[in-house]
Amino acid sequence: MKKTFLLLLTTFILSCCNKDDDQPKTELEKLPPATQTGANKVGCLIDGKAFLPENAPNSTNCFYQLVSGEYYFALAFNNRDSDNNIIGINVGTNSKQIFQGVEYQLLEYVPNNASAAYIFNLTESFTSSTNSGQLKITKLDLVNQIVSGTFSFDIEDTNGVIHQIREGRFDMQFTQ
């Protein structure tokens, strides 16, 4: 009876193992899920590779502020590559109010526009009319200070290399 019980128990335990758990995640699966709860998660693909903020103070920042009658939204996050270079992504608006359910074109960094930046070792490159993208606000809760959305854009760095920023998603609590 004991041998039968042990055999059944062993068979049950082995059948519960999921071989999928051992499979490496795709780059897209490494990104945080697209939520709208204020989870303080952000990530994107840079040239097909998952890019997440480092686990350090000041590696993410999100604000939506009214200053002198104008609205400013900014989402910024950074990390370091294997050579310790600082890489950052910024997405936001300059003197432009945001609304839930609206998609904004990421263009030049000028007043009344939405734009994005790619930072490599403190050198910023901005979106433009030729290298542009989209920012979509999927949730804007001013009471609980939550902003969620998606973004994607192309950007040319200072060396002339075009980087593809794709599958960007964020669910952040913002400061005012």
Protein backbone atom coordinates (compact mmCIF):
# COMPACT_ATOMS: atom_id res chain seq x y z
CA MET A 1 0.00 0.00 0.00
CA LYS A 2 2.85 2.40 0.89
CA LYS A 3 4.62 1.67 -2.37
CA THR A 4 1.44 2.34 -4.37
CA PHE A 5 0.85 5.60 -2.48
CA LEU A 6 4.47 6.73 -3.04
CA LEU A 7 4.27 5.82 -6.71
CA LEU A 8 1.01 7.78 -7.14
CA LEU A 9 2.41 10.75 -5.21
CA THR A 10 5.60 10.79 -7.30
CA THR A 11 3.60 10.54 -10.53
CA PHE A 12 1.35 13.42 -9.42
CA ILE A 13 4.28 15.66 -8.46
CA LEU A 14 6.10 15.00 -11.72
CA SER A 15 2.96 15.64 -13.77
CA CYS A 16 2.61 19.08 -12.12
CA CYS A 17 5.98 20.22 -13.43
CA ASN A 18 5.60 22.66 -16.29
CA LYS A 19 8.39 22.54 -18.80
CA ASP A 20 7.32 25.98 -20.08
CA ASP A 21 8.64 27.50 -16.83
CA ASP A 22 12.15 26.60 -17.94
CA GLN A 23 11.79 28.26 -21.35
CA PRO A 24 13.51 31.63 -21.77
CA LYS A 25 11.16 34.57 -22.14
CA THR A 26 10.92 36.45 -25.39
CA GLU A 27 12.04 40.07 -25.31
CA LEU A 28 8.40 41.17 -25.41
CA GLU A 29 7.52 38.90 -22.47
CA LYS A 30 10.20 40.62 -20.38
CA LEU A 31 8.19 43.87 -20.48
CA PRO A 32 5.68 44.63 -17.73
CA PRO A 33 2.05 43.89 -18.52
CA ALA A 34 -0.12 46.73 -19.79
CA THR A 35 -2.07 47.65 -16.64
CA GLN A 36 -3.94 50.73 -15.44
CA THR A 37 -3.65 50.52 -11.65
CA GLY A 38 -0.72 52.83 -10.89
CA ALA A 39 1.70 49.89 -10.62
CA ASN A 40 4.72 52.14 -11.36
CA LYS A 41 5.92 49.91 -14.17
CA VAL A 42 7.38 50.98 -17.50
CA GLY A 43 9.32 49.34 -20.31
CA CYS A 44 9.80 49.12 -24.06
CA LEU A 45 11.81 47.40 -26.75
CA ILE A 46 14.84 49.28 -28.04
CA ASP A 47 15.90 47.79 -31.36
CA GLY A 48 14.11 44.57 -30.42
CA LYS A 49 15.65 44.20 -26.94
CA ALA A 50 13.69 44.64 -23.71
CA PHE A 51 14.54 47.88 -21.91
CA LEU A 52 13.44 48.39 -18.31
CA PRO A 53 14.49 50.92 -15.69
CA GLU A 54 17.26 49.86 -13.38
CA ASN A 55 16.33 48.98 -9.83
CA ALA A 56 17.85 52.12 -8.32
CA PRO A 57 16.64 55.44 -6.92
CA ASN A 58 15.75 58.04 -9.55
CA SER A 59 15.70 55.54 -12.43
CA THR A 60 12.07 56.51 -13.19
CA ASN A 61 10.22 59.80 -13.01
CA CYS A 62 6.68 60.73 -13.98
CA PHE A 63 4.91 64.03 -13.55
CA TYR A 64 1.93 65.91 -14.92
CA GLN A 65 1.98 69.53 -13.84
CA LEU A 66 0.22 72.80 -14.48
CA VAL A 67 2.87 75.55 -14.56
CA SER A 68 2.00 79.16 -15.41
CA GLY A 69 -1.22 78.07 -17.11
CA GLU A 70 0.46 75.37 -19.26
CA TYR A 71 0.45 71.59 -18.78
CA TYR A 72 3.60 69.48 -18.88
CA PHE A 73 3.68 65.68 -18.87
CA ALA A 74 6.92 63.73 -18.60
CA LEU A 75 7.78 60.07 -18.25
CA ALA A 76 11.48 59.26 -18.00
CA PHE A 77 13.34 56.05 -17.23
CA ASN A 78 16.92 54.86 -17.58
CA ASN A 79 19.29 51.95 -17.17
CA ARG A 80 22.88 51.06 -17.98
CA ASP A 81 24.12 48.81 -20.74
CA SER A 82 26.82 46.15 -20.34
CA ASP A 83 29.52 48.83 -20.84
CA ASN A 84 27.99 50.99 -18.04
CA ASN A 85 26.67 53.60 -20.50
CA ILE A 86 23.52 55.35 -19.31
CA ILE A 87 20.58 54.86 -21.68
CA GLY A 88 17.30 56.69 -21.14
CA ILE A 89 13.90 57.15 -22.70
CA ASN A 90 11.77 60.27 -22.17
CA VAL A 91 8.22 60.76 -23.46
CA GLY A 92 6.09 63.79 -22.75
CA THR A 93 4.37 67.01 -23.69
CA ASN A 94 5.55 70.62 -23.70
CA SER A 95 2.79 73.16 -22.92
CA LYS A 96 0.17 70.58 -23.93
CA GLN A 97 -2.61 69.06 -21.87
CA ILE A 98 -3.19 65.29 -22.13
CA PHE A 99 -6.52 63.44 -22.15
CA GLN A 100 -7.52 59.82 -21.64
CA GLY A 101 -8.17 57.93 -24.87
CA VAL A 102 -6.24 60.36 -27.05
CA GLU A 103 -3.22 59.51 -29.22
CA TYR A 104 -0.54 62.17 -29.72
CA GLN A 105 2.06 62.37 -32.46
CA LEU A 106 5.60 62.46 -31.07
CA LEU A 107 7.30 65.22 -33.02
CA GLU A 108 9.75 68.05 -32.30
CA TYR A 109 10.44 69.17 -28.74
CA VAL A 110 8.70 72.56 -28.97
CA PRO A 111 5.74 74.15 -27.12
CA ASN A 112 2.31 72.65 -27.85
CA ASN A 113 3.81 69.33 -28.97
CA ALA A 114 4.33 65.83 -27.66
CA SER A 115 7.84 64.47 -28.18
CA ALA A 116 10.23 61.74 -27.11
CA ALA A 117 13.95 61.53 -26.49
CA TYR A 118 16.59 58.81 -26.52
CA ILE A 119 19.51 59.51 -24.19
CA PHE A 120 22.92 57.90 -24.48
CA ASN A 121 25.48 59.03 -21.89
CA LEU A 122 23.61 62.29 -21.26
CA THR A 123 23.40 63.19 -24.98
CA GLU A 124 19.76 63.59 -26.01
CA SER A 125 18.26 62.92 -29.42
CA PHE A 126 14.66 64.01 -30.02
CA THR A 127 11.84 62.85 -32.25
CA SER A 128 11.17 65.01 -35.29
CA SER A 129 8.82 65.23 -38.25
CA THR A 130 10.98 62.65 -40.08
CA ASN A 131 11.57 60.37 -37.07
CA SER A 132 8.33 60.43 -35.15
CA GLY A 133 5.99 58.19 -33.23
CA GLN A 134 2.88 57.92 -31.10
CA LEU A 135 1.92 58.32 -27.45
CA LYS A 136 -1.51 57.04 -26.40
CA ILE A 137 -2.94 57.85 -22.98
CA THR A 138 -5.15 54.90 -22.01
CA LYS A 139 -5.90 56.11 -18.47
CA LEU A 140 -5.67 59.50 -16.80
CA ASP A 141 -6.96 59.60 -13.22
CA LEU A 142 -6.31 63.06 -11.79
CA VAL A 143 -7.76 62.18 -8.37
CA ASN A 144 -5.50 59.15 -7.76
CA GLN A 145 -2.69 60.59 -9.91
CA ILE A 146 -2.43 57.59 -12.26
CA VAL A 147 -1.44 57.79 -15.91
CA SER A 148 -1.15 54.76 -18.18
CA GLY A 149 -0.47 54.38 -21.85
CA THR A 150 1.62 53.15 -24.73
CA PHE A 151 4.29 54.64 -26.98
CA SER A 152 6.45 53.85 -29.97
CA PHE A 153 8.80 55.94 -32.07
CA ASP A 154 11.87 56.02 -34.29
CA ILE A 155 14.73 58.27 -33.36
CA GLU A 156 18.08 59.17 -34.90
CA ASP A 157 20.94 59.41 -32.42
CA THR A 158 23.88 61.82 -32.70
CA ASN A 159 25.85 59.20 -34.67
CA GLY A 160 23.13 58.95 -37.33
CA VAL A 161 21.85 55.56 -36.13
CA ILE A 162 18.06 55.13 -36.22
CA HIS A 163 16.73 53.35 -33.13
CA GLN A 164 13.32 51.70 -33.09
CA ILE A 165 11.47 52.12 -29.81
CA ARG A 166 8.51 49.74 -29.82
CA GLU A 167 5.88 48.21 -27.52
CA GLY A 168 6.39 50.96 -24.94
CA ARG A 169 3.99 50.73 -22.05
CA PHE A 170 3.64 52.50 -18.73
CA ASP A 171 1.37 52.49 -15.68
CA MET A 172 2.61 55.18 -13.34
CA GLN A 173 1.62 57.30 -10.39
CA PHE A 174 2.55 60.87 -11.26
CA THR A 175 3.45 63.89 -9.15
CA GLN A 176 1.78 67.22 -9.67
